[in-house]
Amino acid sequence: MARPDANDRSAQQAIAARLAEAGFALPGSLIEYSHLCRKPNCRCMADPPRPHGPYHQWTRKLGGKTVTRRLSPDQIEIYGPWFLEAQRLRGLLGELEALSLEVAERGADGL
């Protein structure tokens, strides 16, 4: 059974310090999209086309079901950074898991 060495503990503490800086974080995905309605005299059918949008859509799982919600420009201004923070935190957790796995694999066969 391997135990974390000084380098492992230092790496873990660095990750923990970055996790301690966590701000608000929203789960799910934020998508920006535009679309063409294809109505004959609409601006989206001009030459060059000028699509409708951009629109922002937040998608996440809630109770095992996919929930989608359109966000207004004001909501994007407030919540946009929260999606980035959630992505950053997922990355840090991935780093911590990889470090933990590396320590565990040094001392156990088949883990």
PDB file of N, CA and C in Angstrom:
ATOM      1  N   MET A   1       0.850  -1.182   0.000  1.00  0.00           N
ATOM      2  CA  MET A   1       0.000   0.000   0.000  1.00  0.00           C
ATOM      3  C   MET A   1       0.891   1.239   0.000  1.00  0.00           C
ATOM      4  N   ALA A   2       0.751   2.067  -1.028  1.00  0.00           N
ATOM      5  CA  ALA A   2       1.553   3.284  -1.131  1.00  0.00           C
ATOM      6  C   ALA A   2       0.895   4.409  -0.351  1.00  0.00           C
ATOM      7  N   ARG A   3       1.714   5.199   0.246  1.00  0.00           N
ATOM      8  CA  ARG A   3       1.239   6.393   0.944  1.00  0.00           C
ATOM      9  C   ARG A   3       1.736   7.606   0.161  1.00  0.00           C
ATOM     10  N   PRO A   4       0.981   8.688   0.201  1.00  0.00           N
ATOM     11  CA  PRO A   4       1.415   9.890  -0.511  1.00  0.00           C
ATOM     12  C   PRO A   4       2.757  10.383   0.043  1.00  0.00           C
ATOM     13  N   ASP A   5       3.660  10.756  -0.856  1.00  0.00           N
ATOM     14  CA  ASP A   5       4.946  11.309  -0.426  1.00  0.00           C
ATOM     15  C   ASP A   5       4.837  12.839  -0.370  1.00  0.00           C
ATOM     16  N   ALA A   6       5.944  13.489  -0.081  1.00  0.00           N
ATOM     17  CA  ALA A   6       5.947  14.949   0.062  1.00  0.00           C
ATOM     18  C   ALA A   6       5.510  15.645  -1.225  1.00  0.00           C
ATOM     19  N   ASN A   7       5.942  15.139  -2.372  1.00  0.00           N
ATOM     20  CA  ASN A   7       5.538  15.723  -3.657  1.00  0.00           C
ATOM     21  C   ASN A   7       4.040  15.578  -3.882  1.00  0.00           C
ATOM     22  N   ASP A   8       3.503  14.395  -3.529  1.00  0.00           N
ATOM     23  CA  ASP A   8       2.064  14.153  -3.673  1.00  0.00           C
ATOM     24  C   ASP A   8       1.271  15.116  -2.791  1.00  0.00           C
ATOM     25  N   ARG A   9       1.711  15.261  -1.545  1.00  0.00           N
ATOM     26  CA  ARG A   9       1.012  16.151  -0.603  1.00  0.00           C
ATOM     27  C   ARG A   9       1.090  17.607  -1.073  1.00  0.00           C
ATOM     28  N   SER A  10       2.222  17.985  -1.612  1.00  0.00           N
ATOM     29  CA  SER A  10       2.384  19.347  -2.122  1.00  0.00           C
ATOM     30  C   SER A  10       1.435  19.591  -3.293  1.00  0.00           C
ATOM     31  N   ALA A  11       1.341  18.624  -4.199  1.00  0.00           N
ATOM     32  CA  ALA A  11       0.435  18.746  -5.342  1.00  0.00           C
ATOM     33  C   ALA A  11      -1.020  18.796  -4.874  1.00  0.00           C
ATOM     34  N   GLN A  12      -1.356  17.962  -3.904  1.00  0.00           N
ATOM     35  CA  GLN A  12      -2.724  17.942  -3.367  1.00  0.00           C
ATOM     36  C   GLN A  12      -3.054  19.276  -2.707  1.00  0.00           C
ATOM     37  N   GLN A  13      -2.131  19.824  -1.961  1.00  0.00           N
ATOM     38  CA  GLN A  13      -2.372  21.099  -1.285  1.00  0.00           C
ATOM     39  C   GLN A  13      -2.527  22.244  -2.286  1.00  0.00           C
ATOM     40  N   ALA A  14      -1.782  22.191  -3.380  1.00  0.00           N
ATOM     41  CA  ALA A  14      -1.915  23.215  -4.420  1.00  0.00           C
ATOM     42  C   ALA A  14      -3.307  23.153  -5.063  1.00  0.00           C
ATOM     43  N   ILE A  15      -3.763  21.936  -5.316  1.00  0.00           N
ATOM     44  CA  ILE A  15      -5.112  21.771  -5.890  1.00  0.00           C
ATOM     45  C   ILE A  15      -6.161  22.238  -4.887  1.00  0.00           C
ATOM     46  N   ALA A  16      -6.002  21.856  -3.613  1.00  0.00           N
ATOM     47  CA  ALA A  16      -6.955  22.252  -2.568  1.00  0.00           C
ATOM     48  C   ALA A  16      -7.010  23.769  -2.424  1.00  0.00           C
ATOM     49  N   ALA A  17      -5.862  24.428  -2.546  1.00  0.00           N
ATOM     50  CA  ALA A  17      -5.841  25.889  -2.447  1.00  0.00           C
ATOM     51  C   ALA A  17      -6.637  26.528  -3.577  1.00  0.00           C
ATOM     52  N   ARG A  18      -6.525  25.965  -4.775  1.00  0.00           N
ATOM     53  CA  ARG A  18      -7.295  26.501  -5.909  1.00  0.00           C
ATOM     54  C   ARG A  18      -8.779  26.189  -5.751  1.00  0.00           C
ATOM     55  N   LEU A  19      -9.105  25.034  -5.170  1.00  0.00           N
ATOM     56  CA  LEU A  19     -10.511  24.704  -4.904  1.00  0.00           C
ATOM     57  C   LEU A  19     -11.106  25.647  -3.864  1.00  0.00           C
ATOM     58  N   ALA A  20     -10.273  26.060  -2.901  1.00  0.00           N
ATOM     59  CA  ALA A  20     -10.747  26.954  -1.839  1.00  0.00           C
ATOM     60  C   ALA A  20     -11.149  28.324  -2.384  1.00  0.00           C
ATOM     61  N   GLU A  21     -10.732  28.660  -3.583  1.00  0.00           N
ATOM     62  CA  GLU A  21     -11.071  29.939  -4.211  1.00  0.00           C
ATOM     63  C   GLU A  21     -12.408  29.876  -4.942  1.00  0.00           C
ATOM     64  N   ALA A  22     -13.131  28.773  -4.802  1.00  0.00           N
ATOM     65  CA  ALA A  22     -14.358  28.546  -5.567  1.00  0.00           C
ATOM     66  C   ALA A  22     -15.379  29.654  -5.358  1.00  0.00           C
ATOM     67  N   GLY A  23     -15.983  30.036  -6.467  1.00  0.00           N
ATOM     68  CA  GLY A  23     -17.089  30.984  -6.437  1.00  0.00           C
ATOM     69  C   GLY A  23     -18.370  30.252  -6.799  1.00  0.00           C
ATOM     70  N   PHE A  24     -19.385  30.997  -7.184  1.00  0.00           N
ATOM     71  CA  PHE A  24     -20.632  30.375  -7.610  1.00  0.00           C
ATOM     72  C   PHE A  24     -20.381  29.552  -8.868  1.00  0.00           C
ATOM     73  N   ALA A  25     -21.062  28.408  -8.954  1.00  0.00           N
ATOM     74  CA  ALA A  25     -20.864  27.497 -10.084  1.00  0.00           C
ATOM     75  C   ALA A  25     -22.196  26.851 -10.448  1.00  0.00           C
ATOM     76  N   LEU A  26     -22.533  26.892 -11.726  1.00  0.00           N
ATOM     77  CA  LEU A  26     -23.766  26.273 -12.206  1.00  0.00           C
ATOM     78  C   LEU A  26     -23.450  24.996 -12.973  1.00  0.00           C
ATOM     79  N   PRO A  27     -24.222  23.934 -12.720  1.00  0.00           N
ATOM     80  CA  PRO A  27     -24.014  22.685 -13.454  1.00  0.00           C
ATOM     81  C   PRO A  27     -24.632  22.767 -14.842  1.00  0.00           C
ATOM     82  N   GLY A  28     -24.193  21.879 -15.707  1.00  0.00           N
ATOM     83  CA  GLY A  28     -24.788  21.779 -17.031  1.00  0.00           C
ATOM     84  C   GLY A  28     -23.965  22.459 -18.096  1.00  0.00           C
ATOM     85  N   SER A  29     -24.622  22.717 -19.219  1.00  0.00           N
ATOM     86  CA  SER A  29     -23.960  23.294 -20.385  1.00  0.00           C
ATOM     87  C   SER A  29     -24.639  24.587 -20.785  1.00  0.00           C
ATOM     88  N   LEU A  30     -23.825  25.519 -21.246  1.00  0.00           N
ATOM     89  CA  LEU A  30     -24.340  26.771 -21.784  1.00  0.00           C
ATOM     90  C   LEU A  30     -24.024  26.778 -23.274  1.00  0.00           C
ATOM     91  N   ILE A  31     -25.054  26.963 -24.077  1.00  0.00           N
ATOM     92  CA  ILE A  31     -24.900  26.936 -25.526  1.00  0.00           C
ATOM     93  C   ILE A  31     -25.368  28.276 -26.087  1.00  0.00           C
ATOM     94  N   GLU A  32     -24.602  28.816 -27.021  1.00  0.00           N
ATOM     95  CA  GLU A  32     -25.012  30.015 -27.749  1.00  0.00           C
ATOM     96  C   GLU A  32     -25.354  29.590 -29.170  1.00  0.00           C
ATOM     97  N   TYR A  33     -26.502  30.015 -29.642  1.00  0.00           N
ATOM     98  CA  TYR A  33     -26.889  29.628 -30.999  1.00  0.00           C
ATOM     99  C   TYR A  33     -27.674  30.742 -31.678  1.00  0.00           C
ATOM    100  N   SER A  34     -27.710  30.675 -32.990  1.00  0.00           N
ATOM    101  CA  SER A  34     -28.519  31.551 -33.835  1.00  0.00           C
ATOM    102  C   SER A  34     -29.298  30.647 -34.784  1.00  0.00           C
ATOM    103  N   HIS A  35     -30.344  31.170 -35.393  1.00  0.00           N
ATOM    104  CA  HIS A  35     -31.081  30.327 -36.335  1.00  0.00           C
ATOM    105  C   HIS A  35     -31.699  31.156 -37.457  1.00  0.00           C
ATOM    106  N   LEU A  36     -32.100  30.461 -38.501  1.00  0.00           N
ATOM    107  CA  LEU A  36     -32.785  31.057 -39.645  1.00  0.00           C
ATOM    108  C   LEU A  36     -34.232  30.590 -39.619  1.00  0.00           C
ATOM    109  N   CYS A  37     -35.176  31.538 -39.642  1.00  0.00           N
ATOM    110  CA  CYS A  37     -36.594  31.146 -39.620  1.00  0.00           C
ATOM    111  C   CYS A  37     -37.081  30.763 -41.020  1.00  0.00           C
ATOM    112  N   ARG A  38     -36.358  31.235 -42.039  1.00  0.00           N
ATOM    113  CA  ARG A  38     -36.633  30.914 -43.445  1.00  0.00           C
ATOM    114  C   ARG A  38     -37.920  31.545 -44.001  1.00  0.00           C
ATOM    115  N   LYS A  39     -38.459  32.557 -43.311  1.00  0.00           N
ATOM    116  CA  LYS A  39     -39.601  33.287 -43.867  1.00  0.00           C
ATOM    117  C   LYS A  39     -39.077  34.138 -45.024  1.00  0.00           C
ATOM    118  N   PRO A  40     -39.781  34.179 -46.142  1.00  0.00           N
ATOM    119  CA  PRO A  40     -39.267  34.792 -47.370  1.00  0.00           C
ATOM    120  C   PRO A  40     -38.697  36.207 -47.232  1.00  0.00           C
ATOM    121  N   ASN A  41     -39.360  37.113 -46.562  1.00  0.00           N
ATOM    122  CA  ASN A  41     -38.889  38.497 -46.503  1.00  0.00           C
ATOM    123  C   ASN A  41     -38.183  38.842 -45.197  1.00  0.00           C
ATOM    124  N   CYS A  42     -37.775  37.857 -44.490  1.00  0.00           N
ATOM    125  CA  CYS A  42     -37.116  38.078 -43.197  1.00  0.00           C
ATOM    126  C   CYS A  42     -35.637  38.407 -43.401  1.00  0.00           C
ATOM    127  N   ARG A  43     -35.080  39.150 -42.462  1.00  0.00           N
ATOM    128  CA  ARG A  43     -33.658  39.520 -42.529  1.00  0.00           C
ATOM    129  C   ARG A  43     -32.746  38.305 -42.557  1.00  0.00           C
ATOM    130  N   CYS A  44     -33.206  37.189 -41.994  1.00  0.00           N
ATOM    131  CA  CYS A  44     -32.344  36.008 -41.966  1.00  0.00           C
ATOM    132  C   CYS A  44     -32.179  35.383 -43.351  1.00  0.00           C
ATOM    133  N   MET A  45     -33.041  35.794 -44.288  1.00  0.00           N
ATOM    134  CA  MET A  45     -32.944  35.272 -45.647  1.00  0.00           C
ATOM    135  C   MET A  45     -32.292  36.282 -46.600  1.00  0.00           C
ATOM    136  N   ALA A  46     -31.814  37.397 -46.058  1.00  0.00           N
ATOM    137  CA  ALA A  46     -31.168  38.426 -46.889  1.00  0.00           C
ATOM    138  C   ALA A  46     -29.846  37.893 -47.435  1.00  0.00           C
ATOM    139  N   ASP A  47     -29.230  38.697 -48.275  1.00  0.00           N
ATOM    140  CA  ASP A  47     -27.921  38.331 -48.820  1.00  0.00           C
ATOM    141  C   ASP A  47     -26.939  39.420 -48.437  1.00  0.00           C
ATOM    142  N   PRO A  48     -26.084  39.225 -47.482  1.00  0.00           N
ATOM    143  CA  PRO A  48     -25.832  37.984 -46.745  1.00  0.00           C
ATOM    144  C   PRO A  48     -26.887  37.781 -45.654  1.00  0.00           C
ATOM    145  N   PRO A  49     -27.077  36.519 -45.246  1.00  0.00           N
ATOM    146  CA  PRO A  49     -28.070  36.221 -44.205  1.00  0.00           C
ATOM    147  C   PRO A  49     -27.710  36.873 -42.865  1.00  0.00           C
ATOM    148  N   ARG A  50     -28.729  37.338 -42.142  1.00  0.00           N
ATOM    149  CA  ARG A  50     -28.543  37.886 -40.799  1.00  0.00           C
ATOM    150  C   ARG A  50     -29.401  37.062 -39.856  1.00  0.00           C
ATOM    151  N   PRO A  51     -28.822  35.984 -39.300  1.00  0.00           N
ATOM    152  CA  PRO A  51     -29.595  35.066 -38.450  1.00  0.00           C
ATOM    153  C   PRO A  51     -30.178  35.749 -37.219  1.00  0.00           C
ATOM    154  N   HIS A  52     -31.221  35.140 -36.690  1.00  0.00           N
ATOM    155  CA  HIS A  52     -31.823  35.582 -35.434  1.00  0.00           C
ATOM    156  C   HIS A  52     -30.908  35.142 -34.293  1.00  0.00           C
ATOM    157  N   GLY A  53     -30.831  35.947 -33.249  1.00  0.00           N
ATOM    158  CA  GLY A  53     -30.004  35.586 -32.103  1.00  0.00           C
ATOM    159  C   GLY A  53     -28.861  36.567 -31.952  1.00  0.00           C
ATOM    160  N   PRO A  54     -27.888  36.246 -31.182  1.00  0.00           N
ATOM    161  CA  PRO A  54     -27.674  34.937 -30.562  1.00  0.00           C
ATOM    162  C   PRO A  54     -28.588  34.722 -29.357  1.00  0.00           C
ATOM    163  N   TYR A  55     -28.924  33.466 -29.162  1.00  0.00           N
ATOM    164  CA  TYR A  55     -29.701  33.040 -28.006  1.00  0.00           C
ATOM    165  C   TYR A  55     -28.786  32.183 -27.142  1.00  0.00           C
ATOM    166  N   HIS A  56     -29.098  32.135 -25.853  1.00  0.00           N
ATOM    167  CA  HIS A  56     -28.306  31.339 -24.918  1.00  0.00           C
ATOM    168  C   HIS A  56     -29.220  30.336 -24.236  1.00  0.00           C
ATOM    169  N   GLN A  57     -28.766  29.110 -24.204  1.00  0.00           N
ATOM    170  CA  GLN A  57     -29.567  28.017 -23.676  1.00  0.00           C
ATOM    171  C   GLN A  57     -28.753  27.270 -22.616  1.00  0.00           C
ATOM    172  N   TRP A  58     -29.372  27.062 -21.451  1.00  0.00           N
ATOM    173  CA  TRP A  58     -28.755  26.328 -20.347  1.00  0.00           C
ATOM    174  C   TRP A  58     -29.429  24.964 -20.283  1.00  0.00           C
ATOM    175  N   THR A  59     -28.628  23.920 -20.380  1.00  0.00           N
ATOM    176  CA  THR A  59     -29.137  22.548 -20.335  1.00  0.00           C
ATOM    177  C   THR A  59     -28.462  21.817 -19.189  1.00  0.00           C
ATOM    178  N   ARG A  60     -29.268  21.083 -18.419  1.00  0.00           N
ATOM    179  CA  ARG A  60     -28.724  20.290 -17.304  1.00  0.00           C
ATOM    180  C   ARG A  60     -29.648  19.126 -17.006  1.00  0.00           C
ATOM    181  N   LYS A  61     -29.148  18.194 -16.210  1.00  0.00           N
ATOM    182  CA  LYS A  61     -29.955  17.052 -15.772  1.00  0.00           C
ATOM    183  C   LYS A  61     -30.564  17.389 -14.420  1.00  0.00           C
ATOM    184  N   LEU A  62     -31.837  17.111 -14.270  1.00  0.00           N
ATOM    185  CA  LEU A  62     -32.548  17.342 -13.024  1.00  0.00           C
ATOM    186  C   LEU A  62     -33.488  16.167 -12.802  1.00  0.00           C
ATOM    187  N   GLY A  63     -33.212  15.383 -11.763  1.00  0.00           N
ATOM    188  CA  GLY A  63     -34.036  14.214 -11.504  1.00  0.00           C
ATOM    189  C   GLY A  63     -33.995  13.201 -12.634  1.00  0.00           C
ATOM    190  N   GLY A  64     -32.858  13.072 -13.289  1.00  0.00           N
ATOM    191  CA  GLY A  64     -32.700  12.120 -14.383  1.00  0.00           C
ATOM    192  C   GLY A  64     -33.260  12.593 -15.716  1.00  0.00           C
ATOM    193  N   LYS A  65     -33.805  13.788 -15.759  1.00  0.00           N
ATOM    194  CA  LYS A  65     -34.362  14.325 -17.006  1.00  0.00           C
ATOM    195  C   LYS A  65     -33.577  15.566 -17.435  1.00  0.00           C
ATOM    196  N   THR A  66     -33.495  15.765 -18.737  1.00  0.00           N
ATOM    197  CA  THR A  66     -32.826  16.942 -19.270  1.00  0.00           C
ATOM    198  C   THR A  66     -33.766  18.130 -19.185  1.00  0.00           C
ATOM    199  N   VAL A  67     -33.267  19.208 -18.592  1.00  0.00           N
ATOM    200  CA  VAL A  67     -34.035  20.443 -18.451  1.00  0.00           C
ATOM    201  C   VAL A  67     -33.302  21.526 -19.236  1.00  0.00           C
ATOM    202  N   THR A  68     -34.036  22.253 -20.060  1.00  0.00           N
ATOM    203  CA  THR A  68     -33.448  23.309 -20.874  1.00  0.00           C
ATOM    204  C   THR A  68     -34.161  24.615 -20.581  1.00  0.00           C
ATOM    205  N   ARG A  69     -33.365  25.673 -20.486  1.00  0.00           N
ATOM    206  CA  ARG A  69     -33.924  26.983 -20.183  1.00  0.00           C
ATOM    207  C   ARG A  69     -33.190  28.039 -21.013  1.00  0.00           C
ATOM    208  N   ARG A  70     -33.923  28.925 -21.644  1.00  0.00           N
ATOM    209  CA  ARG A  70     -33.308  30.020 -22.395  1.00  0.00           C
ATOM    210  C   ARG A  70     -32.971  31.123 -21.397  1.00  0.00           C
ATOM    211  N   LEU A  71     -31.788  31.714 -21.549  1.00  0.00           N
ATOM    212  CA  LEU A  71     -31.346  32.780 -20.656  1.00  0.00           C
ATOM    213  C   LEU A  71     -31.322  34.111 -21.400  1.00  0.00           C
ATOM    214  N   SER A  72     -31.728  35.151 -20.705  1.00  0.00           N
ATOM    215  CA  SER A  72     -31.736  36.503 -21.286  1.00  0.00           C
ATOM    216  C   SER A  72     -30.307  37.063 -21.281  1.00  0.00           C
ATOM    217  N   PRO A  73     -30.072  38.129 -22.033  1.00  0.00           N
ATOM    218  CA  PRO A  73     -28.745  38.761 -22.006  1.00  0.00           C
ATOM    219  C   PRO A  73     -28.325  39.182 -20.591  1.00  0.00           C
ATOM    220  N   ASP A  74     -29.277  39.688 -19.791  1.00  0.00           N
ATOM    221  CA  ASP A  74     -28.957  40.065 -18.408  1.00  0.00           C
ATOM    222  C   ASP A  74     -28.551  38.847 -17.583  1.00  0.00           C
ATOM    223  N   GLN A  75     -29.254  37.737 -17.774  1.00  0.00           N
ATOM    224  CA  GLN A  75     -28.906  36.509 -17.052  1.00  0.00           C
ATOM    225  C   GLN A  75     -27.536  35.991 -17.477  1.00  0.00           C
ATOM    226  N   ILE A  76     -27.223  36.101 -18.757  1.00  0.00           N
ATOM    227  CA  ILE A  76     -25.915  35.653 -19.252  1.00  0.00           C
ATOM    228  C   ILE A  76     -24.805  36.468 -18.605  1.00  0.00           C
ATOM    229  N   GLU A  77     -25.040  37.763 -18.472  1.00  0.00           N
ATOM    230  CA  GLU A  77     -24.038  38.627 -17.852  1.00  0.00           C
ATOM    231  C   GLU A  77     -23.747  38.187 -16.410  1.00  0.00           C
ATOM    232  N   ILE A  78     -24.788  37.802 -15.685  1.00  0.00           N
ATOM    233  CA  ILE A  78     -24.626  37.373 -14.288  1.00  0.00           C
ATOM    234  C   ILE A  78     -24.118  35.942 -14.204  1.00  0.00           C
ATOM    235  N   TYR A  79     -24.774  35.028 -14.921  1.00  0.00           N
ATOM    236  CA  TYR A  79     -24.509  33.597 -14.745  1.00  0.00           C
ATOM    237  C   TYR A  79     -23.405  33.037 -15.631  1.00  0.00           C
ATOM    238  N   GLY A  80     -23.059  33.743 -16.708  1.00  0.00           N
ATOM    239  CA  GLY A  80     -22.019  33.247 -17.609  1.00  0.00           C
ATOM    240  C   GLY A  80     -20.740  32.841 -16.881  1.00  0.00           C
ATOM    241  N   PRO A  81     -20.210  33.690 -16.011  1.00  0.00           N
ATOM    242  CA  PRO A  81     -18.995  33.315 -15.279  1.00  0.00           C
ATOM    243  C   PRO A  81     -19.193  32.098 -14.370  1.00  0.00           C
ATOM    244  N   TRP A  82     -20.408  31.850 -13.945  1.00  0.00           N
ATOM    245  CA  TRP A  82     -20.672  30.704 -13.069  1.00  0.00           C
ATOM    246  C   TRP A  82     -20.492  29.388 -13.820  1.00  0.00           C
ATOM    247  N   PHE A  83     -20.810  29.385 -15.113  1.00  0.00           N
ATOM    248  CA  PHE A  83     -20.582  28.183 -15.922  1.00  0.00           C
ATOM    249  C   PHE A  83     -19.086  27.937 -16.086  1.00  0.00           C
ATOM    250  N   LEU A  84     -18.329  29.027 -16.289  1.00  0.00           N
ATOM    251  CA  LEU A  84     -16.869  28.895 -16.400  1.00  0.00           C
ATOM    252  C   LEU A  84     -16.267  28.395 -15.096  1.00  0.00           C
ATOM    253  N   GLU A  85     -16.797  28.872 -13.973  1.00  0.00           N
ATOM    254  CA  GLU A  85     -16.293  28.427 -12.673  1.00  0.00           C
ATOM    255  C   GLU A  85     -16.577  26.940 -12.457  1.00  0.00           C
ATOM    256  N   ALA A  86     -17.746  26.483 -12.852  1.00  0.00           N
ATOM    257  CA  ALA A  86     -18.069  25.059 -12.727  1.00  0.00           C
ATOM    258  C   ALA A  86     -17.110  24.220 -13.562  1.00  0.00           C
ATOM    259  N   GLN A  87     -16.780  24.698 -14.745  1.00  0.00           N
ATOM    260  CA  GLN A  87     -15.835  23.995 -15.624  1.00  0.00           C
ATOM    261  C   GLN A  87     -14.448  23.948 -14.977  1.00  0.00           C
ATOM    262  N   ARG A  88     -14.020  25.055 -14.386  1.00  0.00           N
ATOM    263  CA  ARG A  88     -12.721  25.108 -13.704  1.00  0.00           C
ATOM    264  C   ARG A  88     -12.684  24.121 -12.539  1.00  0.00           C
ATOM    265  N   LEU A  89     -13.771  24.075 -11.761  1.00  0.00           N
ATOM    266  CA  LEU A  89     -13.825  23.179 -10.607  1.00  0.00           C
ATOM    267  C   LEU A  89     -13.820  21.713 -11.038  1.00  0.00           C
ATOM    268  N   ARG A  90     -14.518  21.392 -12.126  1.00  0.00           N
ATOM    269  CA  ARG A  90     -14.492  20.019 -12.631  1.00  0.00           C
ATOM    270  C   ARG A  90     -13.079  19.623 -13.042  1.00  0.00           C
ATOM    271  N   GLY A  91     -12.353  20.570 -13.654  1.00  0.00           N
ATOM    272  CA  GLY A  91     -10.967  20.313 -14.035  1.00  0.00           C
ATOM    273  C   GLY A  91     -10.090  20.054 -12.823  1.00  0.00           C
ATOM    274  N   LEU A  92     -10.271  20.849 -11.771  1.00  0.00           N
ATOM    275  CA  LEU A  92      -9.479  20.662 -10.550  1.00  0.00           C
ATOM    276  C   LEU A  92      -9.797  19.321  -9.881  1.00  0.00           C
ATOM    277  N   LEU A  93     -11.068  18.958  -9.849  1.00  0.00           N
ATOM    278  CA  LEU A  93     -11.429  17.648  -9.286  1.00  0.00           C
ATOM    279  C   LEU A  93     -10.822  16.522 -10.111  1.00  0.00           C
ATOM    280  N   GLY A  94     -10.785  16.694 -11.410  1.00  0.00           N
ATOM    281  CA  GLY A  94     -10.139  15.708 -12.276  1.00  0.00           C
ATOM    282  C   GLY A  94      -8.655  15.580 -11.952  1.00  0.00           C
ATOM    283  N   GLU A  95      -7.981  16.709 -11.717  1.00  0.00           N
ATOM    284  CA  GLU A  95      -6.564  16.680 -11.336  1.00  0.00           C
ATOM    285  C   GLU A  95      -6.369  15.942 -10.017  1.00  0.00           C
ATOM    286  N   LEU A  96      -7.235  16.224  -9.039  1.00  0.00           N
ATOM    287  CA  LEU A  96      -7.130  15.574  -7.728  1.00  0.00           C
ATOM    288  C   LEU A  96      -7.383  14.073  -7.841  1.00  0.00           C
ATOM    289  N   GLU A  97      -8.358  13.685  -8.642  1.00  0.00           N
ATOM    290  CA  GLU A  97      -8.627  12.255  -8.856  1.00  0.00           C
ATOM    291  C   GLU A  97      -7.452  11.569  -9.537  1.00  0.00           C
ATOM    292  N   ALA A  98      -6.854  12.225 -10.533  1.00  0.00           N
ATOM    293  CA  ALA A  98      -5.706  11.641 -11.238  1.00  0.00           C
ATOM    294  C   ALA A  98      -4.528  11.472 -10.295  1.00  0.00           C
ATOM    295  N   LEU A  99      -4.277  12.459  -9.448  1.00  0.00           N
ATOM    296  CA  LEU A  99      -3.201  12.366  -8.465  1.00  0.00           C
ATOM    297  C   LEU A  99      -3.460  11.226  -7.494  1.00  0.00           C
ATOM    298  N   SER A 100      -4.673  11.126  -7.009  1.00  0.00           N
ATOM    299  CA  SER A 100      -5.042  10.064  -6.074  1.00  0.00           C
ATOM    300  C   SER A 100      -4.878   8.687  -6.707  1.00  0.00           C
ATOM    301  N   LEU A 101      -5.291   8.571  -7.953  1.00  0.00           N
ATOM    302  CA  LEU A 101      -5.147   7.308  -8.675  1.00  0.00           C
ATOM    303  C   LEU A 101      -3.678   6.934  -8.841  1.00  0.00           C
ATOM    304  N   GLU A 102      -2.858   7.926  -9.156  1.00  0.00           N
ATOM    305  CA  GLU A 102      -1.426   7.695  -9.327  1.00  0.00           C
ATOM    306  C   GLU A 102      -0.807   7.154  -8.033  1.00  0.00           C
ATOM    307  N   VAL A 103      -1.165   7.734  -6.893  1.00  0.00           N
ATOM    308  CA  VAL A 103      -0.655   7.268  -5.590  1.00  0.00           C
ATOM    309  C   VAL A 103      -1.150   5.849  -5.324  1.00  0.00           C
ATOM    310  N   ALA A 104      -2.432   5.612  -5.553  1.00  0.00           N
ATOM    311  CA  ALA A 104      -3.016   4.305  -5.283  1.00  0.00           C
ATOM    312  C   ALA A 104      -2.405   3.223  -6.159  1.00  0.00           C
ATOM    313  N   GLU A 105      -2.138   3.543  -7.431  1.00  0.00           N
ATOM    314  CA  GLU A 105      -1.596   2.553  -8.359  1.00  0.00           C
ATOM    315  C   GLU A 105      -0.138   2.211  -8.057  1.00  0.00           C
ATOM    316  N   ARG A 106       0.563   3.119  -7.404  1.00  0.00           N
ATOM    317  CA  ARG A 106       1.951   2.824  -7.035  1.00  0.00           C
ATOM    318  C   ARG A 106       2.024   1.704  -5.995  1.00  0.00           C
ATOM    319  N   GLY A 107       0.955   1.540  -5.217  1.00  0.00           N
ATOM    320  CA  GLY A 107       1.027   0.575  -4.129  1.00  0.00           C
ATOM    321  C   GLY A 107       0.090  -0.598  -4.223  1.00  0.00           C
ATOM    322  N   ALA A 108      -0.701  -0.677  -5.255  1.00  0.00           N
ATOM    323  CA  ALA A 108      -1.652  -1.797  -5.330  1.00  0.00           C
ATOM    324  C   ALA A 108      -1.707  -2.333  -6.735  1.00  0.00           C
ATOM    325  N   ASP A 109      -1.739  -3.637  -6.837  1.00  0.00           N
ATOM    326  CA  ASP A 109      -1.903  -4.293  -8.143  1.00  0.00           C
ATOM    327  C   ASP A 109      -3.385  -4.375  -8.457  1.00  0.00           C
ATOM    328  N   GLY A 110      -3.730  -3.995  -9.680  1.00  0.00           N
ATOM    329  CA  GLY A 110      -5.110  -4.176 -10.147  1.00  0.00           C
ATOM    330  C   GLY A 110      -6.096  -3.142  -9.651  1.00  0.00           C
ATOM    331  N   LEU A 111      -5.653  -2.081  -8.993  1.00  0.00           N
ATOM    332  CA  LEU A 111      -6.593  -1.050  -8.541  1.00  0.00           C
ATOM    333  C   LEU A 111      -7.031  -0.166  -9.681  1.00  0.00           C
TER     334      LEU A 111
END
